[in-house]
């Protein structure tokens, strides 16, 4: 079955609407500041200096990467989802994937 341009546009439009409907965790700058204070209190005990350093390094890297690319798609999103799944098993929470943008693949230019 060959896909027409009109059908492809319709499929892409539907996928984009579905992606927009996904529950992205949107956070305002004020929420980040408030969360940073809570995180600092939580990190003040029960963690080693190395663990605190690793957490800070990961936060810094994630923020820097987010400024340069979309972390909700591509290989970064896949790795973030993998890390989240491992950490959720450690803390005993159900796995919750970061929503990713759908990719459209085309073998030899045909869909």
PDB file of N, CA and C in Angstrom:
ATOM      1  N   UNK A   1       0.847  -1.177   0.000  1.00  0.00           N
ATOM      2  CA  UNK A   1       0.000   0.000   0.000  1.00  0.00           C
ATOM      3  C   UNK A   1       0.886   1.232   0.000  1.00  0.00           C
ATOM      4  N   UNK A   2       0.670   2.110  -0.957  1.00  0.00           N
ATOM      5  CA  UNK A   2       1.431   3.331  -1.057  1.00  0.00           C
ATOM      6  C   UNK A   2       0.716   4.432  -0.288  1.00  0.00           C
ATOM      7  N   UNK A   3       1.487   5.271   0.364  1.00  0.00           N
ATOM      8  CA  UNK A   3       0.945   6.333   1.187  1.00  0.00           C
ATOM      9  C   UNK A   3       0.968   7.642   0.411  1.00  0.00           C
ATOM     10  N   UNK A   4      -0.170   8.296   0.309  1.00  0.00           N
ATOM     11  CA  UNK A   4      -0.227   9.572  -0.401  1.00  0.00           C
ATOM     12  C   UNK A   4       0.237  10.692   0.521  1.00  0.00           C
ATOM     13  N   UNK A   5       0.579  11.829  -0.098  1.00  0.00           N
ATOM     14  CA  UNK A   5       1.007  12.984   0.700  1.00  0.00           C
ATOM     15  C   UNK A   5      -0.101  13.443   1.634  1.00  0.00           C
ATOM     16  N   UNK A   6      -1.324  13.429   1.165  1.00  0.00           N
ATOM     17  CA  UNK A   6      -2.451  13.866   1.991  1.00  0.00           C
ATOM     18  C   UNK A   6      -2.630  12.947   3.195  1.00  0.00           C
ATOM     19  N   UNK A   7      -2.530  11.642   2.967  1.00  0.00           N
ATOM     20  CA  UNK A   7      -2.667  10.684   4.066  1.00  0.00           C
ATOM     21  C   UNK A   7      -1.515  10.843   5.058  1.00  0.00           C
ATOM     22  N   UNK A   8      -0.307  11.061   4.539  1.00  0.00           N
ATOM     23  CA  UNK A   8       0.856  11.271   5.402  1.00  0.00           C
ATOM     24  C   UNK A   8       0.660  12.513   6.265  1.00  0.00           C
ATOM     25  N   UNK A   9       0.188  13.599   5.645  1.00  0.00           N
ATOM     26  CA  UNK A   9      -0.073  14.830   6.409  1.00  0.00           C
ATOM     27  C   UNK A   9      -1.099  14.572   7.504  1.00  0.00           C
ATOM     28  N   UNK A  10      -2.144  13.813   7.182  1.00  0.00           N
ATOM     29  CA  UNK A  10      -3.175  13.511   8.163  1.00  0.00           C
ATOM     30  C   UNK A  10      -2.593  12.704   9.326  1.00  0.00           C
ATOM     31  N   UNK A  11      -1.785  11.706   9.005  1.00  0.00           N
ATOM     32  CA  UNK A  11      -1.173  10.869  10.038  1.00  0.00           C
ATOM     33  C   UNK A  11      -0.262  11.705  10.925  1.00  0.00           C
ATOM     34  N   UNK A  12       0.557  12.548  10.302  1.00  0.00           N
ATOM     35  CA  UNK A  12       1.473  13.395  11.076  1.00  0.00           C
ATOM     36  C   UNK A  12       0.682  14.337  11.961  1.00  0.00           C
ATOM     37  N   UNK A  13      -0.372  14.937  11.420  1.00  0.00           N
ATOM     38  CA  UNK A  13      -1.217  15.844  12.198  1.00  0.00           C
ATOM     39  C   UNK A  13      -1.824  15.129  13.401  1.00  0.00           C
ATOM     40  N   UNK A  14      -2.328  13.926  13.192  1.00  0.00           N
ATOM     41  CA  UNK A  14      -2.907  13.149  14.287  1.00  0.00           C
ATOM     42  C   UNK A  14      -1.858  12.807  15.335  1.00  0.00           C
ATOM     43  N   UNK A  15      -0.679  12.427  14.886  1.00  0.00           N
ATOM     44  CA  UNK A  15       0.399  12.086  15.822  1.00  0.00           C
ATOM     45  C   UNK A  15       0.822  13.298  16.641  1.00  0.00           C
ATOM     46  N   UNK A  16       0.900  14.461  15.982  1.00  0.00           N
ATOM     47  CA  UNK A  16       1.276  15.682  16.702  1.00  0.00           C
ATOM     48  C   UNK A  16       0.221  16.061  17.735  1.00  0.00           C
ATOM     49  N   UNK A  17      -1.052  15.909  17.367  1.00  0.00           N
ATOM     50  CA  UNK A  17      -2.125  16.187  18.322  1.00  0.00           C
ATOM     51  C   UNK A  17      -2.041  15.235  19.505  1.00  0.00           C
ATOM     52  N   UNK A  18      -1.761  13.967  19.211  1.00  0.00           N
ATOM     53  CA  UNK A  18      -1.641  12.965  20.276  1.00  0.00           C
ATOM     54  C   UNK A  18      -0.450  13.277  21.173  1.00  0.00           C
ATOM     55  N   UNK A  19       0.660  13.691  20.565  1.00  0.00           N
ATOM     56  CA  UNK A  19       1.848  14.038  21.347  1.00  0.00           C
ATOM     57  C   UNK A  19       1.572  15.237  22.239  1.00  0.00           C
ATOM     58  N   UNK A  20       0.823  16.218  21.711  1.00  0.00           N
ATOM     59  CA  UNK A  20       0.468  17.385  22.522  1.00  0.00           C
ATOM     60  C   UNK A  20      -0.445  17.000  23.674  1.00  0.00           C
ATOM     61  N   UNK A  21      -1.271  15.998  23.442  1.00  0.00           N
ATOM     62  CA  UNK A  21      -2.208  15.565  24.472  1.00  0.00           C
ATOM     63  C   UNK A  21      -1.521  14.790  25.586  1.00  0.00           C
ATOM     64  N   UNK A  22      -0.310  14.269  25.308  1.00  0.00           N
ATOM     65  CA  UNK A  22       0.419  13.519  26.336  1.00  0.00           C
ATOM     66  C   UNK A  22       0.723  14.443  27.504  1.00  0.00           C
ATOM     67  N   UNK A  23       0.783  13.874  28.651  1.00  0.00           N
ATOM     68  CA  UNK A  23       0.999  14.663  29.867  1.00  0.00           C
ATOM     69  C   UNK A  23       2.479  14.932  30.092  1.00  0.00           C
ATOM     70  N   UNK A  24       2.970  15.996  29.490  1.00  0.00           N
ATOM     71  CA  UNK A  24       4.331  16.429  29.781  1.00  0.00           C
ATOM     72  C   UNK A  24       4.310  17.117  31.133  1.00  0.00           C
ATOM     73  N   UNK A  25       5.294  16.834  31.947  1.00  0.00           N
ATOM     74  CA  UNK A  25       5.397  17.517  33.225  1.00  0.00           C
ATOM     75  C   UNK A  25       5.983  18.894  32.968  1.00  0.00           C
ATOM     76  N   UNK A  26       5.107  19.885  32.896  1.00  0.00           N
ATOM     77  CA  UNK A  26       5.557  21.255  32.672  1.00  0.00           C
ATOM     78  C   UNK A  26       5.782  21.903  34.027  1.00  0.00           C
ATOM     79  N   UNK A  27       6.907  22.591  34.155  1.00  0.00           N
ATOM     80  CA  UNK A  27       7.273  23.201  35.410  1.00  0.00           C
ATOM     81  C   UNK A  27       7.697  24.633  35.165  1.00  0.00           C
ATOM     82  N   UNK A  28       7.141  25.545  35.949  1.00  0.00           N
ATOM     83  CA  UNK A  28       7.517  26.953  35.811  1.00  0.00           C
ATOM     84  C   UNK A  28       8.835  27.207  36.530  1.00  0.00           C
ATOM     85  N   UNK A  29       9.443  28.357  36.243  1.00  0.00           N
ATOM     86  CA  UNK A  29      10.700  28.731  36.897  1.00  0.00           C
ATOM     87  C   UNK A  29      10.504  28.854  38.409  1.00  0.00           C
ATOM     88  N   UNK A  30       9.354  29.360  38.831  1.00  0.00           N
ATOM     89  CA  UNK A  30       9.074  29.484  40.270  1.00  0.00           C
ATOM     90  C   UNK A  30       8.986  28.099  40.923  1.00  0.00           C
ATOM     91  N   UNK A  31       8.391  27.149  40.212  1.00  0.00           N
ATOM     92  CA  UNK A  31       8.309  25.782  40.734  1.00  0.00           C
ATOM     93  C   UNK A  31       9.704  25.176  40.871  1.00  0.00           C
ATOM     94  N   UNK A  32      10.582  25.478  39.910  1.00  0.00           N
ATOM     95  CA  UNK A  32      11.955  24.970  39.962  1.00  0.00           C
ATOM     96  C   UNK A  32      12.674  25.533  41.177  1.00  0.00           C
ATOM     97  N   UNK A  33      12.518  26.835  41.419  1.00  0.00           N
ATOM     98  CA  UNK A  33      13.173  27.454  42.584  1.00  0.00           C
ATOM     99  C   UNK A  33      12.666  26.826  43.874  1.00  0.00           C
ATOM    100  N   UNK A  34      11.364  26.647  43.977  1.00  0.00           N
ATOM    101  CA  UNK A  34      10.776  26.042  45.169  1.00  0.00           C
ATOM    102  C   UNK A  34      11.254  24.601  45.329  1.00  0.00           C
ATOM    103  N   UNK A  35      11.281  23.865  44.227  1.00  0.00           N
ATOM    104  CA  UNK A  35      11.743  22.478  44.259  1.00  0.00           C
ATOM    105  C   UNK A  35      13.209  22.368  44.623  1.00  0.00           C
ATOM    106  N   UNK A  36      14.007  23.362  44.207  1.00  0.00           N
ATOM    107  CA  UNK A  36      15.435  23.357  44.533  1.00  0.00           C
ATOM    108  C   UNK A  36      15.638  23.475  46.045  1.00  0.00           C
ATOM    109  N   UNK A  37      14.827  24.282  46.685  1.00  0.00           N
ATOM    110  CA  UNK A  37      14.928  24.423  48.146  1.00  0.00           C
ATOM    111  C   UNK A  37      14.562  23.103  48.825  1.00  0.00           C
ATOM    112  N   UNK A  38      13.510  22.478  48.357  1.00  0.00           N
ATOM    113  CA  UNK A  38      13.092  21.187  48.923  1.00  0.00           C
ATOM    114  C   UNK A  38      14.163  20.125  48.679  1.00  0.00           C
ATOM    115  N   UNK A  39      14.746  20.120  47.486  1.00  0.00           N
ATOM    116  CA  UNK A  39      15.784  19.143  47.153  1.00  0.00           C
ATOM    117  C   UNK A  39      17.011  19.345  48.024  1.00  0.00           C
ATOM    118  N   UNK A  40      17.371  20.593  48.268  1.00  0.00           N
ATOM    119  CA  UNK A  40      18.535  20.882  49.112  1.00  0.00           C
ATOM    120  C   UNK A  40      18.313  20.353  50.523  1.00  0.00           C
ATOM    121  N   UNK A  41      17.108  20.531  51.049  1.00  0.00           N
ATOM    122  CA  UNK A  41      16.801  20.008  52.388  1.00  0.00           C
ATOM    123  C   UNK A  41      16.892  18.485  52.402  1.00  0.00           C
ATOM    124  N   UNK A  42      16.358  17.856  51.348  1.00  0.00           N
ATOM    125  CA  UNK A  42      16.355  16.395  51.262  1.00  0.00           C
ATOM    126  C   UNK A  42      17.768  15.841  51.126  1.00  0.00           C
ATOM    127  N   UNK A  43      18.646  16.563  50.413  1.00  0.00           N
ATOM    128  CA  UNK A  43      20.010  16.095  50.178  1.00  0.00           C
ATOM    129  C   UNK A  43      20.939  16.375  51.356  1.00  0.00           C
ATOM    130  N   UNK A  44      20.476  17.143  52.342  1.00  0.00           N
ATOM    131  CA  UNK A  44      21.367  17.523  53.428  1.00  0.00           C
ATOM    132  C   UNK A  44      21.728  16.355  54.335  1.00  0.00           C
ATOM    133  N   UNK A  45      20.928  15.307  54.349  1.00  0.00           N
ATOM    134  CA  UNK A  45      21.271  14.151  55.183  1.00  0.00           C
ATOM    135  C   UNK A  45      20.986  12.862  54.431  1.00  0.00           C
ATOM    136  N   UNK A  46      21.747  11.831  54.768  1.00  0.00           N
ATOM    137  CA  UNK A  46      21.520  10.522  54.177  1.00  0.00           C
ATOM    138  C   UNK A  46      22.266  10.281  52.879  1.00  0.00           C
ATOM    139  N   UNK A  47      22.997  11.260  52.371  1.00  0.00           N
ATOM    140  CA  UNK A  47      23.770  11.110  51.141  1.00  0.00           C
ATOM    141  C   UNK A  47      25.240  11.378  51.418  1.00  0.00           C
ATOM    142  N   UNK A  48      26.086  10.696  50.680  1.00  0.00           N
ATOM    143  CA  UNK A  48      27.515  10.976  50.790  1.00  0.00           C
ATOM    144  C   UNK A  48      27.848  12.199  49.935  1.00  0.00           C
ATOM    145  N   UNK A  49      29.030  12.755  50.164  1.00  0.00           N
ATOM    146  CA  UNK A  49      29.472  13.894  49.352  1.00  0.00           C
ATOM    147  C   UNK A  49      29.572  13.498  47.879  1.00  0.00           C
ATOM    148  N   UNK A  50      30.008  12.261  47.621  1.00  0.00           N
ATOM    149  CA  UNK A  50      30.119  11.791  46.237  1.00  0.00           C
ATOM    150  C   UNK A  50      28.742  11.712  45.581  1.00  0.00           C
ATOM    151  N   UNK A  51      27.748  11.229  46.323  1.00  0.00           N
ATOM    152  CA  UNK A  51      26.389  11.136  45.770  1.00  0.00           C
ATOM    153  C   UNK A  51      25.830  12.529  45.483  1.00  0.00           C
ATOM    154  N   UNK A  52      26.029  13.462  46.423  1.00  0.00           N
ATOM    155  CA  UNK A  52      25.569  14.833  46.183  1.00  0.00           C
ATOM    156  C   UNK A  52      26.254  15.437  44.968  1.00  0.00           C
ATOM    157  N   UNK A  53      27.562  15.179  44.815  1.00  0.00           N
ATOM    158  CA  UNK A  53      28.297  15.690  43.665  1.00  0.00           C
ATOM    159  C   UNK A  53      27.780  15.104  42.360  1.00  0.00           C
ATOM    160  N   UNK A  54      27.496  13.807  42.351  1.00  0.00           N
ATOM    161  CA  UNK A  54      26.962  13.151  41.156  1.00  0.00           C
ATOM    162  C   UNK A  54      25.592  13.721  40.785  1.00  0.00           C
ATOM    163  N   UNK A  55      24.746  13.920  41.787  1.00  0.00           N
ATOM    164  CA  UNK A  55      23.414  14.479  41.541  1.00  0.00           C
ATOM    165  C   UNK A  55      23.540  15.878  40.941  1.00  0.00           C
ATOM    166  N   UNK A  56      24.404  16.703  41.519  1.00  0.00           N
ATOM    167  CA  UNK A  56      24.593  18.068  41.003  1.00  0.00           C
ATOM    168  C   UNK A  56      25.133  18.045  39.578  1.00  0.00           C
ATOM    169  N   UNK A  57      26.071  17.133  39.306  1.00  0.00           N
ATOM    170  CA  UNK A  57      26.651  17.032  37.964  1.00  0.00           C
ATOM    171  C   UNK A  57      25.577  16.636  36.954  1.00  0.00           C
ATOM    172  N   UNK A  58      24.739  15.654  37.304  1.00  0.00           N
ATOM    173  CA  UNK A  58      23.666  15.228  36.402  1.00  0.00           C
ATOM    174  C   UNK A  58      22.662  16.352  36.153  1.00  0.00           C
ATOM    175  N   UNK A  59      22.301  17.075  37.199  1.00  0.00           N
ATOM    176  CA  UNK A  59      21.369  18.193  37.043  1.00  0.00           C
ATOM    177  C   UNK A  59      21.955  19.231  36.105  1.00  0.00           C
ATOM    178  N   UNK A  60      23.213  19.571  36.316  1.00  0.00           N
ATOM    179  CA  UNK A  60      23.882  20.562  35.471  1.00  0.00           C
ATOM    180  C   UNK A  60      23.938  20.114  34.015  1.00  0.00           C
ATOM    181  N   UNK A  61      24.274  18.849  33.800  1.00  0.00           N
ATOM    182  CA  UNK A  61      24.352  18.320  32.440  1.00  0.00           C
ATOM    183  C   UNK A  61      22.983  18.301  31.773  1.00  0.00           C
ATOM    184  N   UNK A  62      21.941  17.924  32.506  1.00  0.00           N
ATOM    185  CA  UNK A  62      20.596  17.902  31.947  1.00  0.00           C
ATOM    186  C   UNK A  62      20.127  19.299  31.555  1.00  0.00           C
ATOM    187  N   UNK A  63      20.397  20.272  32.412  1.00  0.00           N
ATOM    188  CA  UNK A  63      20.003  21.654  32.114  1.00  0.00           C
ATOM    189  C   UNK A  63      20.749  22.164  30.885  1.00  0.00           C
ATOM    190  N   UNK A  64      22.055  21.908  30.830  1.00  0.00           N
ATOM    191  CA  UNK A  64      22.843  22.349  29.674  1.00  0.00           C
ATOM    192  C   UNK A  64      22.359  21.687  28.387  1.00  0.00           C
ATOM    193  N   UNK A  65      22.090  20.400  28.447  1.00  0.00           N
ATOM    194  CA  UNK A  65      21.618  19.682  27.269  1.00  0.00           C
ATOM    195  C   UNK A  65      20.250  20.191  26.834  1.00  0.00           C
ATOM    196  N   UNK A  66      19.376  20.487  27.790  1.00  0.00           N
ATOM    197  CA  UNK A  66      18.038  20.980  27.467  1.00  0.00           C
ATOM    198  C   UNK A  66      18.083  22.332  26.768  1.00  0.00           C
ATOM    199  N   UNK A  67      19.116  23.105  27.058  1.00  0.00           N
ATOM    200  CA  UNK A  67      19.265  24.398  26.392  1.00  0.00           C
ATOM    201  C   UNK A  67      19.693  24.225  24.935  1.00  0.00           C
ATOM    202  N   UNK A  68      20.329  23.094  24.629  1.00  0.00           N
ATOM    203  CA  UNK A  68      20.850  22.856  23.285  1.00  0.00           C
ATOM    204  C   UNK A  68      19.990  21.954  22.423  1.00  0.00           C
ATOM    205  N   UNK A  69      19.140  21.138  23.030  1.00  0.00           N
ATOM    206  CA  UNK A  69      18.352  20.175  22.264  1.00  0.00           C
ATOM    207  C   UNK A  69      17.065  19.849  23.016  1.00  0.00           C
ATOM    208  N   UNK A  70      16.190  19.127  22.367  1.00  0.00           N
ATOM    209  CA  UNK A  70      14.935  18.691  22.969  1.00  0.00           C
ATOM    210  C   UNK A  70      15.177  17.347  23.658  1.00  0.00           C
ATOM    211  N   UNK A  71      15.116  17.335  24.974  1.00  0.00           N
ATOM    212  CA  UNK A  71      15.378  16.109  25.730  1.00  0.00           C
ATOM    213  C   UNK A  71      14.219  15.116  25.696  1.00  0.00           C
ATOM    214  N   UNK A  72      13.113  15.487  25.081  1.00  0.00           N
ATOM    215  CA  UNK A  72      11.968  14.581  25.044  1.00  0.00           C
ATOM    216  C   UNK A  72      11.927  13.749  23.780  1.00  0.00           C
ATOM    217  N   UNK A  73      12.985  13.830  22.968  1.00  0.00           N
ATOM    218  CA  UNK A  73      13.025  13.010  21.760  1.00  0.00           C
ATOM    219  C   UNK A  73      14.445  12.548  21.499  1.00  0.00           C
ATOM    220  N   UNK A  74      14.542  11.519  20.702  1.00  0.00           N
ATOM    221  CA  UNK A  74      15.849  11.026  20.290  1.00  0.00           C
ATOM    222  C   UNK A  74      16.537  10.172  21.334  1.00  0.00           C
ATOM    223  N   UNK A  75      17.848   9.983  21.147  1.00  0.00           N
ATOM    224  CA  UNK A  75      18.603   9.094  22.025  1.00  0.00           C
ATOM    225  C   UNK A  75      18.649   9.569  23.473  1.00  0.00           C
ATOM    226  N   UNK A  76      18.648  10.877  23.687  1.00  0.00           N
ATOM    227  CA  UNK A  76      18.675  11.389  25.065  1.00  0.00           C
ATOM    228  C   UNK A  76      17.428  10.950  25.821  1.00  0.00           C
ATOM    229  N   UNK A  77      16.268  11.049  25.186  1.00  0.00           N
ATOM    230  CA  UNK A  77      15.017  10.642  25.836  1.00  0.00           C
ATOM    231  C   UNK A  77      15.030   9.153  26.158  1.00  0.00           C
ATOM    232  N   UNK A  78      15.580   8.352  25.246  1.00  0.00           N
ATOM    233  CA  UNK A  78      15.652   6.908  25.486  1.00  0.00           C
ATOM    234  C   UNK A  78      16.511   6.604  26.706  1.00  0.00           C
ATOM    235  N   UNK A  79      17.669   7.246  26.794  1.00  0.00           N
ATOM    236  CA  UNK A  79      18.563   6.997  27.934  1.00  0.00           C
ATOM    237  C   UNK A  79      17.967   7.525  29.237  1.00  0.00           C
ATOM    238  N   UNK A  80      17.299   8.678  29.169  1.00  0.00           N
ATOM    239  CA  UNK A  80      16.653   9.235  30.364  1.00  0.00           C
ATOM    240  C   UNK A  80      15.566   8.282  30.847  1.00  0.00           C
ATOM    241  N   UNK A  81      14.787   7.735  29.919  1.00  0.00           N
ATOM    242  CA  UNK A  81      13.748   6.766  30.293  1.00  0.00           C
ATOM    243  C   UNK A  81      14.351   5.511  30.912  1.00  0.00           C
ATOM    244  N   UNK A  82      15.478   5.052  30.369  1.00  0.00           N
ATOM    245  CA  UNK A  82      16.142   3.874  30.927  1.00  0.00           C
ATOM    246  C   UNK A  82      16.629   4.154  32.347  1.00  0.00           C
ATOM    247  N   UNK A  83      17.254   5.313  32.556  1.00  0.00           N
ATOM    248  CA  UNK A  83      17.729   5.676  33.892  1.00  0.00           C
ATOM    249  C   UNK A  83      16.554   5.809  34.853  1.00  0.00           C
ATOM    250  N   UNK A  84      15.479   6.445  34.401  1.00  0.00           N
ATOM    251  CA  UNK A  84      14.297   6.610  35.251  1.00  0.00           C
ATOM    252  C   UNK A  84      13.727   5.255  35.659  1.00  0.00           C
ATOM    253  N   UNK A  85      13.691   4.304  34.732  1.00  0.00           N
ATOM    254  CA  UNK A  85      13.162   2.971  35.047  1.00  0.00           C
ATOM    255  C   UNK A  85      14.012   2.280  36.105  1.00  0.00           C
ATOM    256  N   UNK A  86      15.330   2.381  35.978  1.00  0.00           N
ATOM    257  CA  UNK A  86      16.229   1.768  36.969  1.00  0.00           C
ATOM    258  C   UNK A  86      16.033   2.421  38.334  1.00  0.00           C
ATOM    259  N   UNK A  87      15.995   3.742  38.358  1.00  0.00           N
ATOM    260  CA  UNK A  87      15.847   4.451  39.634  1.00  0.00           C
ATOM    261  C   UNK A  87      14.488   4.192  40.280  1.00  0.00           C
ATOM    262  N   UNK A  88      13.450   4.069  39.465  1.00  0.00           N
ATOM    263  CA  UNK A  88      12.128   3.790  40.013  1.00  0.00           C
ATOM    264  C   UNK A  88      12.065   2.396  40.622  1.00  0.00           C
ATOM    265  N   UNK A  89      12.810   1.443  40.059  1.00  0.00           N
ATOM    266  CA  UNK A  89      12.882   0.109  40.662  1.00  0.00           C
ATOM    267  C   UNK A  89      13.592   0.183  42.011  1.00  0.00           C
ATOM    268  N   UNK A  90      14.630   0.998  42.085  1.00  0.00           N
ATOM    269  CA  UNK A  90      15.393   1.140  43.325  1.00  0.00           C
ATOM    270  C   UNK A  90      14.524   1.718  44.436  1.00  0.00           C
ATOM    271  N   UNK A  91      13.728   2.725  44.107  1.00  0.00           N
ATOM    272  CA  UNK A  91      12.908   3.372  45.129  1.00  0.00           C
ATOM    273  C   UNK A  91      11.525   2.747  45.270  1.00  0.00           C
ATOM    274  N   UNK A  92      11.210   1.784  44.392  1.00  0.00           N
ATOM    275  CA  UNK A  92       9.955   1.059  44.510  1.00  0.00           C
ATOM    276  C   UNK A  92       8.746   1.799  43.971  1.00  0.00           C
ATOM    277  N   UNK A  93       8.958   2.691  43.011  1.00  0.00           N
ATOM    278  CA  UNK A  93       7.840   3.401  42.388  1.00  0.00           C
ATOM    279  C   UNK A  93       7.548   2.781  41.032  1.00  0.00           C
ATOM    280  N   UNK A  94       6.289   2.851  40.590  1.00  0.00           N
ATOM    281  CA  UNK A  94       5.968   2.321  39.260  1.00  0.00           C
ATOM    282  C   UNK A  94       6.674   3.127  38.174  1.00  0.00           C
ATOM    283  N   UNK A  95       7.080   2.449  37.116  1.00  0.00           N
ATOM    284  CA  UNK A  95       7.791   3.098  36.011  1.00  0.00           C
ATOM    285  C   UNK A  95       6.870   4.079  35.306  1.00  0.00           C
ATOM    286  N   UNK A  96       7.425   5.249  34.992  1.00  0.00           N
ATOM    287  CA  UNK A  96       6.668   6.300  34.312  1.00  0.00           C
ATOM    288  C   UNK A  96       7.585   6.896  33.260  1.00  0.00           C
ATOM    289  N   UNK A  97       7.286   6.630  31.987  1.00  0.00           N
ATOM    290  CA  UNK A  97       8.158   7.086  30.910  1.00  0.00           C
ATOM    291  C   UNK A  97       7.994   8.560  30.636  1.00  0.00           C
ATOM    292  N   UNK A  98       9.119   9.184  30.265  1.00  0.00           N
ATOM    293  CA  UNK A  98       9.079  10.548  29.779  1.00  0.00           C
ATOM    294  C   UNK A  98       8.484  10.487  28.390  1.00  0.00           C
ATOM    295  N   UNK A  99       7.441  11.268  28.115  1.00  0.00           N
ATOM    296  CA  UNK A  99       6.845  11.223  26.775  1.00  0.00           C
ATOM    297  C   UNK A  99       7.871  11.600  25.717  1.00  0.00           C
ATOM    298  N   UNK A 100       7.857  10.895  24.621  1.00  0.00           N
ATOM    299  CA  UNK A 100       8.781  11.195  23.537  1.00  0.00           C
ATOM    300  C   UNK A 100       8.004  11.531  22.286  1.00  0.00           C
ATOM    301  N   UNK A 101       8.664  12.277  21.413  1.00  0.00           N
ATOM    302  CA  UNK A 101       8.034  12.644  20.159  1.00  0.00           C
ATOM    303  C   UNK A 101       8.148  11.476  19.192  1.00  0.00           C
ATOM    304  N   UNK A 102       7.084  11.174  18.454  1.00  0.00           N
ATOM    305  CA  UNK A 102       7.120  10.036  17.529  1.00  0.00           C
ATOM    306  C   UNK A 102       8.068  10.295  16.366  1.00  0.00           C
ATOM    307  N   UNK A 103       8.733   9.256  15.927  1.00  0.00           N
ATOM    308  CA  UNK A 103       9.621   9.358  14.770  1.00  0.00           C
ATOM    309  C   UNK A 103       8.931   8.720  13.574  1.00  0.00           C
ATOM    310  N   UNK A 104       9.117   9.317  12.420  1.00  0.00           N
ATOM    311  CA  UNK A 104       8.546   8.774  11.188  1.00  0.00           C
ATOM    312  C   UNK A 104       9.691   8.244  10.356  1.00  0.00           C
ATOM    313  N   UNK A 105       9.665   6.944  10.052  1.00  0.00           N
ATOM    314  CA  UNK A 105      10.733   6.343   9.272  1.00  0.00           C
ATOM    315  C   UNK A 105      10.244   6.070   7.863  1.00  0.00           C
ATOM    316  N   UNK A 106      11.173   6.158   6.927  1.00  0.00           N
ATOM    317  CA  UNK A 106      10.823   5.978   5.533  1.00  0.00           C
ATOM    318  C   UNK A 106      11.909   5.181   4.814  1.00  0.00           C
ATOM    319  N   UNK A 107      11.668   3.905   4.496  1.00  0.00           N
ATOM    320  CA  UNK A 107      12.669   3.162   3.746  1.00  0.00           C
ATOM    321  C   UNK A 107      12.718   3.648   2.293  1.00  0.00           C
ATOM    322  N   UNK A 108      13.861   4.104   1.892  1.00  0.00           N
ATOM    323  CA  UNK A 108      14.108   4.569   0.524  1.00  0.00           C
ATOM    324  C   UNK A 108      13.105   5.637   0.090  1.00  0.00           C
ATOM    325  N   UNK A 109      12.795   6.560   1.002  1.00  0.00           N
ATOM    326  CA  UNK A 109      11.953   7.688   0.669  1.00  0.00           C
ATOM    327  C   UNK A 109      10.475   7.378   0.565  1.00  0.00           C
ATOM    328  N   UNK A 110      10.052   6.153   0.828  1.00  0.00           N
ATOM    329  CA  UNK A 110       8.643   5.777   0.738  1.00  0.00           C
ATOM    330  C   UNK A 110       8.131   5.402   2.113  1.00  0.00           C
ATOM    331  N   UNK A 111       6.928   5.806   2.434  1.00  0.00           N
ATOM    332  CA  UNK A 111       6.326   5.463   3.735  1.00  0.00           C
ATOM    333  C   UNK A 111       5.277   4.412   3.586  1.00  0.00           C
TER     334      UNK A 111
END
